[in-house]
Amino acid sequence: MDLNEGPDGLLRAYRNSRWSLILGIWAAFYVFEAARHCIDAYLDRRAPSLAWLTVSAVSLAMWAGYTPLMLWLGRRAPLDGDRRGRSAAIHVIALALIIMVDSAVQLRVWGDRLKWTYLSMCIALTLVDGLSYATIVAISHVKRANARYRERMRRPRSTRS
């Protein structure tokens, strides 16, 4: 993990984020999920769950907020470098913290409608949150690899390795 940029690096990542793109992508996910939920409710002849729509909106808004952090971690703790084990540990810790926060918020918003414990919510969210996290880190990896490739292509042919 490159720590040379200091703590300002993460703040810079948040300031320089393309928020319209990030919010647009997460909003599109929400519209898709909300439409699917409403269609399912209609087909089951029941009203859509306002609680479900609220939890989904809050969760996806949180993921929009996490996205610059995950992109930054993807750049700073690459899984293809010399320190793969350390990078993997950093990502596991970050994902665990996100799952814990997501679980706490969902239980808070759902209230007594769920008979789940905090631990069971964490376990339930591990797969979904893990796939979301892995996707965002993979996007960061692809962006970094693409930038390195473009840089190599800009160099004169004789100096390419």
C-alpha atoms as a PDB file:
ATOM      1  CA  MET A   1       0.000   0.000   0.000  1.00  0.00           C
ATOM      2  CA  ASP A   2       1.424   3.347  -1.003  1.00  0.00           C
ATOM      3  CA  LEU A   3       1.283   5.544   2.066  1.00  0.00           C
ATOM      4  CA  ASN A   4       3.433   8.312   0.572  1.00  0.00           C
ATOM      5  CA  GLU A   5       0.483  10.517  -0.230  1.00  0.00           C
ATOM      6  CA  GLY A   6      -0.535  10.754   3.429  1.00  0.00           C
ATOM      7  CA  PRO A   7      -4.005  11.183   4.916  1.00  0.00           C
ATOM      8  CA  ASP A   8      -4.831  13.946   2.442  1.00  0.00           C
ATOM      9  CA  GLY A   9      -4.982  11.347  -0.313  1.00  0.00           C
ATOM     10  CA  LEU A  10      -8.351   9.994   0.770  1.00  0.00           C
ATOM     11  CA  LEU A  11      -9.754  13.500   1.248  1.00  0.00           C
ATOM     12  CA  ARG A  12      -8.486  14.381  -2.216  1.00  0.00           C
ATOM     13  CA  ALA A  13     -10.133  11.249  -3.597  1.00  0.00           C
ATOM     14  CA  TYR A  14     -13.478  12.395  -2.181  1.00  0.00           C
ATOM     15  CA  ARG A  15     -13.044  15.973  -3.447  1.00  0.00           C
ATOM     16  CA  ASN A  16     -11.993  14.822  -6.924  1.00  0.00           C
ATOM     17  CA  SER A  17     -14.653  12.129  -7.276  1.00  0.00           C
ATOM     18  CA  ARG A  18     -16.961  12.268 -10.228  1.00  0.00           C
ATOM     19  CA  TRP A  19     -20.020  12.536  -8.004  1.00  0.00           C
ATOM     20  CA  SER A  20     -22.535  12.896 -10.821  1.00  0.00           C
ATOM     21  CA  LEU A  21     -21.345   9.585 -12.278  1.00  0.00           C
ATOM     22  CA  ILE A  22     -21.221   7.820  -8.901  1.00  0.00           C
ATOM     23  CA  LEU A  23     -24.649   9.077  -7.837  1.00  0.00           C
ATOM     24  CA  GLY A  24     -26.083   8.352 -11.279  1.00  0.00           C
ATOM     25  CA  ILE A  25     -24.936   4.730 -11.232  1.00  0.00           C
ATOM     26  CA  TRP A  26     -26.215   4.072  -7.702  1.00  0.00           C
ATOM     27  CA  ALA A  27     -29.484   5.877  -8.492  1.00  0.00           C
ATOM     28  CA  ALA A  28     -29.921   3.654 -11.552  1.00  0.00           C
ATOM     29  CA  PHE A  29     -29.458   0.589  -9.316  1.00  0.00           C
ATOM     30  CA  TYR A  30     -32.082   1.976  -6.959  1.00  0.00           C
ATOM     31  CA  VAL A  31     -34.580   2.647  -9.752  1.00  0.00           C
ATOM     32  CA  PHE A  32     -34.070  -0.897 -11.051  1.00  0.00           C
ATOM     33  CA  GLU A  33     -34.455  -2.466  -7.594  1.00  0.00           C
ATOM     34  CA  ALA A  34     -37.446  -0.280  -6.676  1.00  0.00           C
ATOM     35  CA  ALA A  35     -39.179  -1.078  -9.976  1.00  0.00           C
ATOM     36  CA  ARG A  36     -38.540  -4.790  -9.463  1.00  0.00           C
ATOM     37  CA  HIS A  37     -39.899  -4.571  -5.913  1.00  0.00           C
ATOM     38  CA  CYS A  38     -43.028  -2.699  -7.032  1.00  0.00           C
ATOM     39  CA  ILE A  39     -43.665  -5.148  -9.901  1.00  0.00           C
ATOM     40  CA  ASP A  40     -43.263  -8.102  -7.527  1.00  0.00           C
ATOM     41  CA  ALA A  41     -45.684  -6.470  -5.093  1.00  0.00           C
ATOM     42  CA  TYR A  42     -48.202  -5.807  -7.866  1.00  0.00           C
ATOM     43  CA  LEU A  43     -47.971  -9.410  -9.112  1.00  0.00           C
ATOM     44  CA  ASP A  44     -48.477 -10.652  -5.538  1.00  0.00           C
ATOM     45  CA  ARG A  45     -51.456  -8.262  -5.157  1.00  0.00           C
ATOM     46  CA  ARG A  46     -49.925  -6.401  -2.238  1.00  0.00           C
ATOM     47  CA  ALA A  47     -48.739  -2.871  -1.669  1.00  0.00           C
ATOM     48  CA  PRO A  48     -45.030  -2.128  -2.127  1.00  0.00           C
ATOM     49  CA  SER A  49     -43.181  -1.924   1.167  1.00  0.00           C
ATOM     50  CA  LEU A  50     -42.276   1.643   2.011  1.00  0.00           C
ATOM     51  CA  ALA A  51     -39.852   0.273   4.612  1.00  0.00           C
ATOM     52  CA  TRP A  52     -38.088  -1.837   1.953  1.00  0.00           C
ATOM     53  CA  LEU A  53     -37.889   1.118  -0.436  1.00  0.00           C
ATOM     54  CA  THR A  54     -36.477   3.291   2.372  1.00  0.00           C
ATOM     55  CA  VAL A  55     -33.884   0.728   3.459  1.00  0.00           C
ATOM     56  CA  SER A  56     -32.819   0.217  -0.131  1.00  0.00           C
ATOM     57  CA  ALA A  57     -32.492   3.975  -0.732  1.00  0.00           C
ATOM     58  CA  VAL A  58     -30.482   4.502   2.454  1.00  0.00           C
ATOM     59  CA  SER A  59     -28.213   1.531   1.733  1.00  0.00           C
ATOM     60  CA  LEU A  60     -27.512   2.580  -1.847  1.00  0.00           C
ATOM     61  CA  ALA A  61     -26.874   6.178  -0.740  1.00  0.00           C
ATOM     62  CA  MET A  62     -24.325   4.833   1.741  1.00  0.00           C
ATOM     63  CA  TRP A  63     -22.701   2.795  -1.038  1.00  0.00           C
ATOM     64  CA  ALA A  64     -22.447   5.939  -3.146  1.00  0.00           C
ATOM     65  CA  GLY A  65     -20.616   7.520  -0.208  1.00  0.00           C
ATOM     66  CA  TYR A  66     -18.330   4.493   0.152  1.00  0.00           C
ATOM     67  CA  THR A  67     -17.448   4.372  -3.547  1.00  0.00           C
ATOM     68  CA  PRO A  68     -14.584   6.940  -3.509  1.00  0.00           C
ATOM     69  CA  LEU A  69     -13.077   5.139  -0.490  1.00  0.00           C
ATOM     70  CA  MET A  70     -13.214   1.790  -2.281  1.00  0.00           C
ATOM     71  CA  LEU A  71     -11.759   3.222  -5.498  1.00  0.00           C
ATOM     72  CA  TRP A  72      -8.994   4.836  -3.458  1.00  0.00           C
ATOM     73  CA  LEU A  73      -8.263   1.586  -1.600  1.00  0.00           C
ATOM     74  CA  GLY A  74      -8.259  -0.251  -4.920  1.00  0.00           C
ATOM     75  CA  ARG A  75      -5.498   2.077  -6.137  1.00  0.00           C
ATOM     76  CA  ARG A  76      -3.537   2.156  -2.878  1.00  0.00           C
ATOM     77  CA  ALA A  77      -3.790  -1.543  -1.986  1.00  0.00           C
ATOM     78  CA  PRO A  78      -3.659  -3.323  -5.357  1.00  0.00           C
ATOM     79  CA  LEU A  79      -4.231  -7.053  -5.319  1.00  0.00           C
ATOM     80  CA  ASP A  80      -1.753  -7.648  -8.135  1.00  0.00           C
ATOM     81  CA  GLY A  81       1.371  -6.231  -6.482  1.00  0.00           C
ATOM     82  CA  ASP A  82       4.116  -7.562  -4.268  1.00  0.00           C
ATOM     83  CA  ARG A  83       2.099  -7.152  -1.095  1.00  0.00           C
ATOM     84  CA  ARG A  84      -1.014  -9.104  -2.075  1.00  0.00           C
ATOM     85  CA  GLY A  85      -1.561 -10.512   1.402  1.00  0.00           C
ATOM     86  CA  ARG A  86      -1.386  -7.117   3.061  1.00  0.00           C
ATOM     87  CA  SER A  87      -3.639  -5.595   0.399  1.00  0.00           C
ATOM     88  CA  ALA A  88      -6.165  -8.415   0.774  1.00  0.00           C
ATOM     89  CA  ALA A  89      -6.193  -7.889   4.558  1.00  0.00           C
ATOM     90  CA  ILE A  90      -6.839  -4.166   4.073  1.00  0.00           C
ATOM     91  CA  HIS A  91      -9.757  -4.934   1.753  1.00  0.00           C
ATOM     92  CA  VAL A  92     -11.208  -7.546   4.116  1.00  0.00           C
ATOM     93  CA  ILE A  93     -11.075  -5.074   7.014  1.00  0.00           C
ATOM     94  CA  ALA A  94     -12.653  -2.300   4.924  1.00  0.00           C
ATOM     95  CA  LEU A  95     -15.402  -4.657   3.729  1.00  0.00           C
ATOM     96  CA  ALA A  96     -16.055  -5.881   7.282  1.00  0.00           C
ATOM     97  CA  LEU A  97     -16.451  -2.290   8.490  1.00  0.00           C
ATOM     98  CA  ILE A  98     -18.824  -1.494   5.625  1.00  0.00           C
ATOM     99  CA  ILE A  99     -20.896  -4.613   6.372  1.00  0.00           C
ATOM    100  CA  MET A 100     -21.066  -3.688  10.055  1.00  0.00           C
ATOM    101  CA  VAL A 101     -22.243  -0.142   9.304  1.00  0.00           C
ATOM    102  CA  ASP A 102     -24.690  -1.325   6.614  1.00  0.00           C
ATOM    103  CA  SER A 103     -26.142  -3.908   9.018  1.00  0.00           C
ATOM    104  CA  ALA A 104     -26.538  -1.400  11.834  1.00  0.00           C
ATOM    105  CA  VAL A 105     -28.267   1.119   9.563  1.00  0.00           C
ATOM    106  CA  GLN A 106     -30.574  -1.484   8.046  1.00  0.00           C
ATOM    107  CA  LEU A 107     -31.599  -2.803  11.459  1.00  0.00           C
ATOM    108  CA  ARG A 108     -32.170   0.766  12.632  1.00  0.00           C
ATOM    109  CA  VAL A 109     -34.356   1.626   9.621  1.00  0.00           C
ATOM    110  CA  TRP A 110     -36.240  -1.684   9.667  1.00  0.00           C
ATOM    111  CA  GLY A 111     -36.830  -1.459  13.395  1.00  0.00           C
ATOM    112  CA  ASP A 112     -38.945  -4.240  14.880  1.00  0.00           C
ATOM    113  CA  ARG A 113     -40.180  -5.434  11.488  1.00  0.00           C
ATOM    114  CA  LEU A 114     -37.115  -7.679  11.311  1.00  0.00           C
ATOM    115  CA  LYS A 115     -36.529 -10.358  13.887  1.00  0.00           C
ATOM    116  CA  TRP A 116     -32.848 -10.539  12.975  1.00  0.00           C
ATOM    117  CA  THR A 117     -29.894 -10.044  15.221  1.00  0.00           C
ATOM    118  CA  TYR A 118     -27.013  -7.784  14.294  1.00  0.00           C
ATOM    119  CA  LEU A 119     -24.811 -10.831  13.620  1.00  0.00           C
ATOM    120  CA  SER A 120     -27.384 -12.499  11.361  1.00  0.00           C
ATOM    121  CA  MET A 121     -27.762  -9.237   9.395  1.00  0.00           C
ATOM    122  CA  CYS A 122     -23.971  -9.023   8.971  1.00  0.00           C
ATOM    123  CA  ILE A 123     -23.886 -12.593   7.686  1.00  0.00           C
ATOM    124  CA  ALA A 124     -26.816 -11.975   5.333  1.00  0.00           C
ATOM    125  CA  LEU A 125     -25.187  -8.875   3.858  1.00  0.00           C
ATOM    126  CA  THR A 126     -21.749 -10.442   3.422  1.00  0.00           C
ATOM    127  CA  LEU A 127     -22.473 -11.884  -0.018  1.00  0.00           C
ATOM    128  CA  VAL A 128     -24.245  -8.851  -1.477  1.00  0.00           C
ATOM    129  CA  ASP A 129     -21.908  -6.286   0.059  1.00  0.00           C
ATOM    130  CA  GLY A 130     -18.891  -8.442  -0.773  1.00  0.00           C
ATOM    131  CA  LEU A 131     -19.864  -8.625  -4.443  1.00  0.00           C
ATOM    132  CA  SER A 132     -20.514  -4.877  -4.541  1.00  0.00           C
ATOM    133  CA  TYR A 133     -17.162  -4.150  -2.908  1.00  0.00           C
ATOM    134  CA  ALA A 134     -15.310  -6.561  -5.212  1.00  0.00           C
ATOM    135  CA  THR A 135     -16.934  -4.984  -8.264  1.00  0.00           C
ATOM    136  CA  ILE A 136     -15.863  -1.478  -7.288  1.00  0.00           C
ATOM    137  CA  VAL A 137     -12.306  -2.580  -6.436  1.00  0.00           C
ATOM    138  CA  ALA A 138     -12.169  -4.453  -9.777  1.00  0.00           C
ATOM    139  CA  ILE A 139     -13.211  -1.246 -11.569  1.00  0.00           C
ATOM    140  CA  SER A 140     -10.374   0.550  -9.779  1.00  0.00           C
ATOM    141  CA  HIS A 141      -7.956  -2.190 -10.871  1.00  0.00           C
ATOM    142  CA  VAL A 142      -9.111  -1.984 -14.496  1.00  0.00           C
ATOM    143  CA  LYS A 143      -8.771   1.810 -14.479  1.00  0.00           C
ATOM    144  CA  ARG A 144      -5.230   1.525 -13.109  1.00  0.00           C
ATOM    145  CA  ALA A 145      -4.238  -1.198 -15.577  1.00  0.00           C
ATOM    146  CA  ASN A 146      -5.698   0.804 -18.461  1.00  0.00           C
ATOM    147  CA  ALA A 147      -3.759   3.922 -17.395  1.00  0.00           C
ATOM    148  CA  ARG A 148      -0.523   1.904 -17.225  1.00  0.00           C
ATOM    149  CA  TYR A 149      -1.206   0.439 -20.680  1.00  0.00           C
ATOM    150  CA  ARG A 150      -1.880   3.876 -22.193  1.00  0.00           C
ATOM    151  CA  GLU A 151       1.331   5.172 -20.605  1.00  0.00           C
ATOM    152  CA  ARG A 152       3.330   2.298 -22.107  1.00  0.00           C
ATOM    153  CA  MET A 153       1.791   2.969 -25.519  1.00  0.00           C
ATOM    154  CA  ARG A 154       2.765   6.666 -25.332  1.00  0.00           C
ATOM    155  CA  ARG A 155       6.426   5.792 -24.796  1.00  0.00           C
ATOM    156  CA  PRO A 156       8.615   5.378 -27.873  1.00  0.00           C
ATOM    157  CA  ARG A 157       8.634   1.796 -29.144  1.00  0.00           C
ATOM    158  CA  SER A 158      12.319   1.315 -28.241  1.00  0.00           C
ATOM    159  CA  THR A 159      11.728   1.995 -24.497  1.00  0.00           C
ATOM    160  CA  ARG A 160       8.627  -0.187 -24.061  1.00  0.00           C
ATOM    161  CA  SER A 161       9.095  -3.259 -21.884  1.00  0.00           C
END
